[in-house]
Amino acid sequence: MTSPAVMATLQVVVLVLVAAGAVLVVRTRERVRLVIALSVYGMLLAILFFVFQAPDVTLSELAVGAIALPLILLLAIAKVRKPE
């Protein structure tokens, strides 16, 4: 069993990573890189939920935020991209 101090430190580290990931998503301008950053952000959120002991929300975030949403966005970008 981990001590409360270790868990609190881990939670703070993951929260800082999630905040940094959010800034990365907002600052990214190129569409494909934005989708990749969004997928990484979804993975960070899943890790955050796991650290806060919410496994059901973790699985939902993995399925939707880290896999399904980026896939849908990449397909939409490929569909509307004009031939050069």
C-alpha atoms as a PDB file:
ATOM      1  CA  MET A   1       0.000   0.000   0.000  1.00  0.00           C
ATOM      2  CA  THR A   2       1.323   3.436  -0.849  1.00  0.00           C
ATOM      3  CA  SER A   3       1.522   6.173   1.717  1.00  0.00           C
ATOM      4  CA  PRO A   4      -0.741   9.240   1.515  1.00  0.00           C
ATOM      5  CA  ALA A   5       2.280  11.496   0.911  1.00  0.00           C
ATOM      6  CA  VAL A   6       3.325   9.488  -2.144  1.00  0.00           C
ATOM      7  CA  MET A   7      -0.222   9.540  -3.527  1.00  0.00           C
ATOM      8  CA  ALA A   8      -0.534  13.284  -2.954  1.00  0.00           C
ATOM      9  CA  THR A   9       2.764  13.886  -4.755  1.00  0.00           C
ATOM     10  CA  LEU A  10       1.692  11.672  -7.646  1.00  0.00           C
ATOM     11  CA  GLN A  11      -1.623  13.517  -7.909  1.00  0.00           C
ATOM     12  CA  VAL A  12       0.114  16.898  -7.993  1.00  0.00           C
ATOM     13  CA  VAL A  13       2.563  15.715 -10.672  1.00  0.00           C
ATOM     14  CA  VAL A  14      -0.242  14.363 -12.852  1.00  0.00           C
ATOM     15  CA  LEU A  15      -2.291  17.552 -12.381  1.00  0.00           C
ATOM     16  CA  VAL A  16       0.693  19.631 -13.534  1.00  0.00           C
ATOM     17  CA  LEU A  17       1.125  17.368 -16.576  1.00  0.00           C
ATOM     18  CA  VAL A  18      -2.574  17.721 -17.422  1.00  0.00           C
ATOM     19  CA  ALA A  19      -2.307  21.513 -17.154  1.00  0.00           C
ATOM     20  CA  ALA A  20       0.765  21.494 -19.409  1.00  0.00           C
ATOM     21  CA  GLY A  21      -1.074  19.243 -21.871  1.00  0.00           C
ATOM     22  CA  ALA A  22      -4.019  21.631 -21.957  1.00  0.00           C
ATOM     23  CA  VAL A  23      -1.699  24.529 -22.767  1.00  0.00           C
ATOM     24  CA  LEU A  24      -0.087  22.435 -25.513  1.00  0.00           C
ATOM     25  CA  VAL A  25      -3.483  21.664 -27.062  1.00  0.00           C
ATOM     26  CA  VAL A  26      -4.527  25.327 -27.009  1.00  0.00           C
ATOM     27  CA  ARG A  27      -1.218  26.574 -28.444  1.00  0.00           C
ATOM     28  CA  THR A  28      -0.978  24.047 -31.305  1.00  0.00           C
ATOM     29  CA  ARG A  29      -1.999  25.468 -34.675  1.00  0.00           C
ATOM     30  CA  GLU A  30      -1.451  22.700 -37.245  1.00  0.00           C
ATOM     31  CA  ARG A  31      -4.474  20.415 -37.459  1.00  0.00           C
ATOM     32  CA  VAL A  32      -2.802  17.016 -37.464  1.00  0.00           C
ATOM     33  CA  ARG A  33      -0.464  17.975 -34.631  1.00  0.00           C
ATOM     34  CA  LEU A  34      -3.456  19.322 -32.750  1.00  0.00           C
ATOM     35  CA  VAL A  35      -5.220  15.970 -32.999  1.00  0.00           C
ATOM     36  CA  ILE A  36      -2.080  14.193 -31.766  1.00  0.00           C
ATOM     37  CA  ALA A  37      -1.794  16.659 -28.874  1.00  0.00           C
ATOM     38  CA  LEU A  38      -5.479  16.114 -28.104  1.00  0.00           C
ATOM     39  CA  SER A  39      -4.938  12.361 -28.015  1.00  0.00           C
ATOM     40  CA  VAL A  40      -1.994  12.765 -25.632  1.00  0.00           C
ATOM     41  CA  TYR A  41      -4.143  15.071 -23.510  1.00  0.00           C
ATOM     42  CA  GLY A  42      -6.872  12.417 -23.403  1.00  0.00           C
ATOM     43  CA  MET A  43      -4.303   9.886 -22.244  1.00  0.00           C
ATOM     44  CA  LEU A  44      -3.105  12.281 -19.530  1.00  0.00           C
ATOM     45  CA  LEU A  45      -6.688  12.738 -18.376  1.00  0.00           C
ATOM     46  CA  ALA A  46      -7.137   8.970 -18.225  1.00  0.00           C
ATOM     47  CA  ILE A  47      -4.000   8.722 -16.092  1.00  0.00           C
ATOM     48  CA  LEU A  48      -5.342  11.510 -13.877  1.00  0.00           C
ATOM     49  CA  PHE A  49      -8.627   9.680 -13.358  1.00  0.00           C
ATOM     50  CA  PHE A  50      -6.740   6.482 -12.588  1.00  0.00           C
ATOM     51  CA  VAL A  51      -4.571   8.236  -9.998  1.00  0.00           C
ATOM     52  CA  PHE A  52      -7.707   9.649  -8.377  1.00  0.00           C
ATOM     53  CA  GLN A  53      -9.056   6.070  -8.219  1.00  0.00           C
ATOM     54  CA  ALA A  54     -11.867   6.314 -10.762  1.00  0.00           C
ATOM     55  CA  PRO A  55     -11.287   3.266 -12.988  1.00  0.00           C
ATOM     56  CA  ASP A  56     -14.677   3.449 -14.731  1.00  0.00           C
ATOM     57  CA  VAL A  57     -14.065   7.043 -15.812  1.00  0.00           C
ATOM     58  CA  THR A  58     -10.531   6.051 -16.833  1.00  0.00           C
ATOM     59  CA  LEU A  59     -11.837   3.429 -19.234  1.00  0.00           C
ATOM     60  CA  SER A  60     -14.376   5.842 -20.696  1.00  0.00           C
ATOM     61  CA  GLU A  61     -11.724   8.515 -21.206  1.00  0.00           C
ATOM     62  CA  LEU A  62      -9.392   6.024 -22.869  1.00  0.00           C
ATOM     63  CA  ALA A  63     -12.094   4.889 -25.258  1.00  0.00           C
ATOM     64  CA  VAL A  64     -13.470   8.310 -26.114  1.00  0.00           C
ATOM     65  CA  GLY A  65     -10.839  10.947 -25.386  1.00  0.00           C
ATOM     66  CA  ALA A  66      -7.673   9.104 -26.358  1.00  0.00           C
ATOM     67  CA  ILE A  67      -8.927   6.897 -29.201  1.00  0.00           C
ATOM     68  CA  ALA A  68     -12.354   7.664 -30.695  1.00  0.00           C
ATOM     69  CA  LEU A  69     -12.307  11.473 -30.791  1.00  0.00           C
ATOM     70  CA  PRO A  70      -8.824  11.782 -32.351  1.00  0.00           C
ATOM     71  CA  LEU A  71      -9.712   9.098 -34.905  1.00  0.00           C
ATOM     72  CA  ILE A  72     -12.911  10.905 -35.877  1.00  0.00           C
ATOM     73  CA  LEU A  73     -11.065  14.216 -36.144  1.00  0.00           C
ATOM     74  CA  LEU A  74      -8.313  12.708 -38.315  1.00  0.00           C
ATOM     75  CA  LEU A  75     -10.928  11.200 -40.625  1.00  0.00           C
ATOM     76  CA  ALA A  76     -12.719  14.554 -40.847  1.00  0.00           C
ATOM     77  CA  ILE A  77      -9.463  16.367 -41.638  1.00  0.00           C
ATOM     78  CA  ALA A  78      -8.649  13.820 -44.349  1.00  0.00           C
ATOM     79  CA  LYS A  79     -12.145  14.217 -45.806  1.00  0.00           C
ATOM     80  CA  VAL A  80     -12.112  18.024 -46.044  1.00  0.00           C
ATOM     81  CA  ARG A  81      -8.442  18.462 -46.966  1.00  0.00           C
ATOM     82  CA  LYS A  82      -8.137  19.926 -50.446  1.00  0.00           C
ATOM     83  CA  PRO A  83      -5.780  18.309 -52.945  1.00  0.00           C
ATOM     84  CA  GLU A  84      -2.654  20.373 -53.438  1.00  0.00           C
END
